[in-house]
């Protein structure tokens, strides 16, 4: 190549240069030529100094930063890996590896856009693979039945790692309960699990629960136990009366909300509370 003259192959894939069929044939030949004992690095290992040099050289590497695979490339990768066993199949991470993974993710705050993307991916994945959703449900039920304490600790860890609690609106309710001298303890941080659900506030001596619902609960595609009716019904089966407070009511109808809380608190457990 003449110095200063750009190569026609720069930033292009084999498929773009030679077509899919020829590109696949070239890749297979190259793979066979460099596989096993033919590879110049066969049965060799990098020195610690070399590994450190490579690590420093690649630190901050931004070659593919902000770029994305094309739909065609993703489909080819999917077909190439389809039917293959996972490299971790039958294996388990060591405690040291688990600690490293935990430390690297601890303290990271995902943006709402990232959370929505993760949620959308999970919904679509379980729609395409209902058998995986069934496996997860079966596993959770098994743990819940056989090891209820372990299951509760599991739920607590998920809640603790997912968000900072109490949030701003929950702190408003905590202060309100103190001002009104109402004996409700905040347990929305996972410190209290009833069945498989974690309530927000629970009465210190009576079986009464106060739940705080926000914009997220108004979405039409949430599961039944995350709706107002579903939440009340779920806790009622376990002997609890439940009052649901909406953030919008706390903001726009503060006096009425206070009155609602007081009436709920003064009601006897045998009475039907008007929610």
Protein backbone atom coordinates (compact mmCIF):
# COMPACT_ATOMS: atom_id res chain seq x y z
CA UNK A 1 0.00 0.00 0.00
CA UNK A 2 1.33 3.43 -0.94
CA UNK A 3 2.06 5.55 2.11
CA UNK A 4 -0.66 8.12 2.71
CA UNK A 5 -3.12 6.38 0.39
CA UNK A 6 -6.14 4.91 2.21
CA UNK A 7 -6.73 1.17 1.85
CA UNK A 8 -9.96 0.13 0.10
CA UNK A 9 -10.37 -2.54 2.82
CA UNK A 10 -10.27 -0.14 5.76
CA UNK A 11 -13.26 -0.40 8.15
CA UNK A 12 -14.87 -3.07 5.94
CA UNK A 13 -15.80 -6.64 6.83
CA UNK A 14 -14.96 -9.75 4.84
CA UNK A 15 -18.64 -10.00 3.90
CA UNK A 16 -18.64 -6.48 2.49
CA UNK A 17 -15.45 -7.10 0.52
CA UNK A 18 -15.96 -10.63 -0.81
CA UNK A 19 -19.60 -11.56 -0.21
CA UNK A 20 -21.02 -13.86 2.46
CA UNK A 21 -20.17 -17.23 0.82
CA UNK A 22 -16.56 -16.41 0.00
CA UNK A 23 -16.07 -14.67 3.36
CA UNK A 24 -17.26 -17.78 5.22
CA UNK A 25 -14.93 -19.97 3.15
CA UNK A 26 -11.96 -17.67 3.86
CA UNK A 27 -12.72 -17.63 7.58
CA UNK A 28 -12.92 -21.42 7.71
CA UNK A 29 -9.57 -21.77 5.94
CA UNK A 30 -7.95 -19.23 8.27
CA UNK A 31 -9.44 -20.94 11.32
CA UNK A 32 -8.17 -24.36 10.20
CA UNK A 33 -4.75 -22.95 9.35
CA UNK A 34 -4.35 -21.38 12.80
CA UNK A 35 -6.08 -23.98 14.99
CA UNK A 36 -4.50 -26.43 17.42
CA UNK A 37 -0.77 -27.10 17.03
CA UNK A 38 -0.64 -24.87 13.96
CA UNK A 39 -1.14 -21.80 16.11
CA UNK A 40 2.16 -20.02 16.91
CA UNK A 41 1.10 -19.57 20.52
CA UNK A 42 0.08 -23.22 21.05
CA UNK A 43 0.76 -24.38 24.66
CA UNK A 44 2.41 -21.07 25.46
CA UNK A 45 1.42 -18.44 28.03
CA UNK A 46 1.94 -14.71 28.25
CA UNK A 47 4.29 -13.43 30.91
CA UNK A 48 2.82 -11.27 33.65
CA UNK A 49 4.76 -8.29 32.25
CA UNK A 50 3.24 -8.86 28.80
CA UNK A 51 -0.29 -9.13 30.23
CA UNK A 52 0.20 -5.86 32.11
CA UNK A 53 1.50 -4.15 28.96
CA UNK A 54 -1.52 -5.34 26.95
CA UNK A 55 -3.88 -4.24 29.71
CA UNK A 56 -2.39 -0.74 29.72
CA UNK A 57 -2.42 -0.58 25.91
CA UNK A 58 -6.11 -1.46 25.76
CA UNK A 59 -7.21 0.66 28.71
CA UNK A 60 -9.63 3.31 27.50
CA UNK A 61 -9.79 1.66 24.07
CA UNK A 62 -12.68 3.23 22.17
CA UNK A 63 -12.54 1.38 18.83
CA UNK A 64 -16.14 0.11 19.04
CA UNK A 65 -17.46 2.62 21.57
CA UNK A 66 -20.86 3.88 20.46
CA UNK A 67 -21.05 1.45 17.53
CA UNK A 68 -23.56 -1.36 17.07
CA UNK A 69 -23.66 -4.59 15.11
CA UNK A 70 -25.97 -4.57 12.11
CA UNK A 71 -29.14 -6.68 12.15
CA UNK A 72 -27.54 -9.03 9.58
CA UNK A 73 -24.43 -9.50 11.74
CA UNK A 74 -26.51 -10.17 14.86
CA UNK A 75 -28.55 -12.76 12.96
CA UNK A 76 -25.38 -14.47 11.70
CA UNK A 77 -23.95 -14.56 15.23
CA UNK A 78 -27.22 -15.96 16.56
CA UNK A 79 -27.30 -18.75 13.95
CA UNK A 80 -23.62 -19.56 14.54
CA UNK A 81 -24.19 -20.04 18.28
CA UNK A 82 -27.61 -21.68 18.05
CA UNK A 83 -27.64 -25.14 19.60
CA UNK A 84 -24.25 -24.72 21.23
CA UNK A 85 -23.85 -25.28 24.93
CA UNK A 86 -22.98 -22.34 27.13
CA UNK A 87 -19.28 -22.21 28.13
CA UNK A 88 -20.48 -22.03 31.76
CA UNK A 89 -22.79 -25.06 31.49
CA UNK A 90 -22.26 -27.31 34.50
CA UNK A 91 -19.81 -24.85 36.02
CA UNK A 92 -20.08 -22.35 38.86
CA UNK A 93 -18.29 -19.11 39.62
CA UNK A 94 -15.86 -19.29 42.53
CA UNK A 95 -16.53 -17.16 45.61
CA UNK A 96 -13.62 -14.92 44.59
CA UNK A 97 -15.13 -14.37 41.12
CA UNK A 98 -18.56 -13.65 42.65
CA UNK A 99 -16.96 -11.08 44.94
CA UNK A 100 -15.17 -9.42 42.00
CA UNK A 101 -18.39 -9.26 39.96
CA UNK A 102 -20.27 -7.83 42.94
CA UNK A 103 -17.59 -5.21 43.64
CA UNK A 104 -17.47 -4.12 39.99
CA UNK A 105 -21.25 -3.54 39.89
CA UNK A 106 -21.75 -2.17 43.39
CA UNK A 107 -22.71 1.51 43.52
CA UNK A 108 -23.53 1.76 39.82
CA UNK A 109 -26.72 3.67 39.05
CA UNK A 110 -28.50 2.78 35.83
CA UNK A 111 -30.38 5.50 33.99
CA UNK A 112 -34.14 5.23 33.45
CA UNK A 113 -33.48 4.64 29.73
CA UNK A 114 -31.22 1.68 30.56
CA UNK A 115 -33.79 0.29 33.01
CA UNK A 116 -36.54 0.55 30.39
CA UNK A 117 -34.33 -1.23 27.83
CA UNK A 118 -33.58 -4.04 30.30
CA UNK A 119 -37.26 -4.36 31.19
CA UNK A 120 -38.30 -4.42 27.52
CA UNK A 121 -35.67 -7.05 26.72
CA UNK A 122 -36.82 -9.27 29.60
CA UNK A 123 -40.50 -9.01 28.58
CA UNK A 124 -39.72 -9.88 24.95
CA UNK A 125 -37.37 -12.70 25.98
CA UNK A 126 -39.99 -14.41 28.13
CA UNK A 127 -42.59 -13.99 25.38
CA UNK A 128 -40.30 -15.80 22.93
CA UNK A 129 -39.15 -18.37 25.52
CA UNK A 130 -42.15 -19.16 27.78
CA UNK A 131 -40.38 -22.34 28.91
CA UNK A 132 -37.67 -20.20 30.57
CA UNK A 133 -40.30 -18.19 32.43
CA UNK A 134 -41.88 -21.46 33.59
CA UNK A 135 -38.48 -22.77 34.79
CA UNK A 136 -37.84 -19.57 36.77
CA UNK A 137 -41.33 -19.64 38.29
CA UNK A 138 -40.91 -23.31 39.22
CA UNK A 139 -37.51 -22.66 40.78
CA UNK A 140 -38.81 -19.72 42.84
CA UNK A 141 -41.78 -21.76 44.06
CA UNK A 142 -39.46 -24.63 45.03
CA UNK A 143 -37.19 -22.31 47.04
CA UNK A 144 -40.20 -20.56 48.60
CA UNK A 145 -41.73 -23.89 49.72
CA UNK A 146 -38.55 -25.69 50.79
CA UNK A 147 -36.41 -22.82 52.05
CA UNK A 148 -38.74 -19.89 52.92
CA UNK A 149 -36.07 -18.05 54.94
CA UNK A 150 -33.58 -18.29 52.07
CA UNK A 151 -36.26 -17.01 49.67
CA UNK A 152 -36.98 -14.00 51.89
CA UNK A 153 -33.28 -13.18 52.13
CA UNK A 154 -33.09 -13.45 48.34
CA UNK A 155 -35.98 -10.95 47.92
CA UNK A 156 -34.33 -8.60 50.43
CA UNK A 157 -31.05 -8.62 48.47
CA UNK A 158 -32.87 -7.87 45.20
CA UNK A 159 -34.73 -4.93 46.75
CA UNK A 160 -31.62 -3.59 48.45
CA UNK A 161 -29.51 -3.71 45.29
CA UNK A 162 -32.19 -2.35 42.93
CA UNK A 163 -32.76 1.09 44.41
CA UNK A 164 -32.13 3.51 47.25
CA UNK A 165 -34.77 3.18 49.96
CA UNK A 166 -36.64 4.95 51.38
CA UNK A 167 -37.24 7.25 48.42
CA UNK A 168 -38.28 10.88 48.64
CA UNK A 169 -42.07 10.27 48.81
CA UNK A 170 -41.65 7.45 51.33
CA UNK A 171 -39.66 9.82 53.56
CA UNK A 172 -42.59 12.26 53.43
CA UNK A 173 -44.89 9.53 54.74
CA UNK A 174 -42.37 8.57 57.44
CA UNK A 175 -42.33 12.19 58.69
CA UNK A 176 -46.13 12.35 58.46
CA UNK A 177 -46.56 9.25 60.61
CA UNK A 178 -44.23 10.76 63.21
CA UNK A 179 -46.21 14.03 63.28
CA UNK A 180 -49.52 12.16 63.61
CA UNK A 181 -48.00 9.76 66.16
CA UNK A 182 -49.07 6.75 64.10
CA UNK A 183 -47.21 3.45 64.82
CA UNK A 184 -46.23 2.50 61.28
CA UNK A 185 -42.75 1.16 60.60
CA UNK A 186 -41.05 1.52 57.24
CA UNK A 187 -40.22 -1.95 55.87
CA UNK A 188 -40.02 -1.15 52.13
CA UNK A 189 -36.28 -1.80 52.17
CA UNK A 190 -36.93 -5.55 52.24
CA UNK A 191 -36.80 -5.92 56.01
CA UNK A 192 -40.30 -7.51 56.00
CA UNK A 193 -41.52 -10.05 53.44
CA UNK A 194 -45.11 -11.30 53.52
CA UNK A 195 -45.52 -14.28 51.23
CA UNK A 196 -43.45 -13.11 48.29
CA UNK A 197 -44.22 -9.38 48.54
CA UNK A 198 -42.52 -6.56 50.38
CA UNK A 199 -44.96 -3.96 51.81
CA UNK A 200 -43.97 -0.32 52.34
CA UNK A 201 -45.32 0.34 55.85
CA UNK A 202 -46.68 -2.01 58.50
CA UNK A 203 -48.41 -1.34 61.84
CA UNK A 204 -46.18 -2.12 64.81
CA UNK A 205 -48.85 -4.11 66.69
CA UNK A 206 -51.81 -4.70 64.35
CA UNK A 207 -52.03 -6.48 61.00
CA UNK A 208 -52.35 -3.33 58.92
CA UNK A 209 -50.34 -2.31 55.88
CA UNK A 210 -50.01 0.99 54.05
CA UNK A 211 -48.73 0.84 50.48
CA UNK A 212 -47.44 3.80 48.47
CA UNK A 213 -48.16 3.64 44.74
CA UNK A 214 -46.61 5.87 42.09
CA UNK A 215 -46.74 6.41 38.33
CA UNK A 216 -45.18 3.00 37.67
CA UNK A 217 -48.21 1.24 39.18
CA UNK A 218 -50.57 3.01 36.78
CA UNK A 219 -49.17 1.23 33.74
CA UNK A 220 -51.56 -1.21 32.15
CA UNK A 221 -49.11 -4.09 31.76
CA UNK A 222 -48.11 -4.59 35.43
CA UNK A 223 -48.92 -7.93 37.03
CA UNK A 224 -52.05 -8.21 39.17
CA UNK A 225 -50.28 -8.17 42.55
CA UNK A 226 -48.85 -4.73 41.65
CA UNK A 227 -52.31 -3.22 41.11
CA UNK A 228 -54.29 -1.67 43.97
CA UNK A 229 -56.94 -4.41 43.94
CA UNK A 230 -54.37 -7.18 43.62
CA UNK A 231 -52.25 -5.86 46.48
CA UNK A 232 -55.23 -5.55 48.83
CA UNK A 233 -56.48 -9.02 47.92
CA UNK A 234 -53.02 -10.62 48.32
CA UNK A 235 -52.43 -9.27 51.83
CA UNK A 236 -56.06 -9.89 52.86
CA UNK A 237 -55.56 -13.63 52.24
CA UNK A 238 -52.72 -13.44 54.75
CA UNK A 239 -54.79 -11.67 57.40
CA UNK A 240 -53.80 -8.06 56.71
CA UNK A 241 -55.88 -5.00 55.93
CA UNK A 242 -54.26 -2.74 53.36
CA UNK A 243 -54.58 0.91 52.46
CA UNK A 244 -53.07 2.11 49.19
CA UNK A 245 -51.90 5.72 49.05
CA UNK A 246 -51.18 7.21 45.63
CA UNK A 247 -48.33 9.70 45.23
CA UNK A 248 -50.56 11.97 43.14
CA UNK A 249 -53.14 12.10 45.99
CA UNK A 250 -50.39 12.83 48.51
CA UNK A 251 -49.32 15.75 46.33
CA UNK A 252 -52.69 17.11 45.15
CA UNK A 253 -55.11 16.10 47.96
CA UNK A 254 -52.93 16.18 51.05
CA UNK A 255 -55.71 16.93 53.66
CA UNK A 256 -57.97 14.19 52.25
CA UNK A 257 -55.07 11.74 52.23
CA UNK A 258 -54.30 12.46 55.89
CA UNK A 259 -57.96 11.91 56.79
CA UNK A 260 -57.95 8.64 54.84
CA UNK A 261 -54.89 7.41 56.74
CA UNK A 262 -56.38 8.35 60.14
CA UNK A 263 -59.68 6.60 59.36
CA UNK A 264 -57.83 3.49 58.22
CA UNK A 265 -55.70 3.47 61.36
CA UNK A 266 -58.74 3.86 63.66
CA UNK A 267 -60.77 1.14 61.92
CA UNK A 268 -61.07 -2.22 63.63
CA UNK A 269 -59.48 -5.18 61.93
CA UNK A 270 -62.87 -6.90 61.61
CA UNK A 271 -64.31 -3.96 59.68
CA UNK A 272 -64.18 -3.61 55.92
CA UNK A 273 -62.12 -0.54 55.17
CA UNK A 274 -63.25 1.70 52.33
CA UNK A 275 -60.23 1.92 50.05
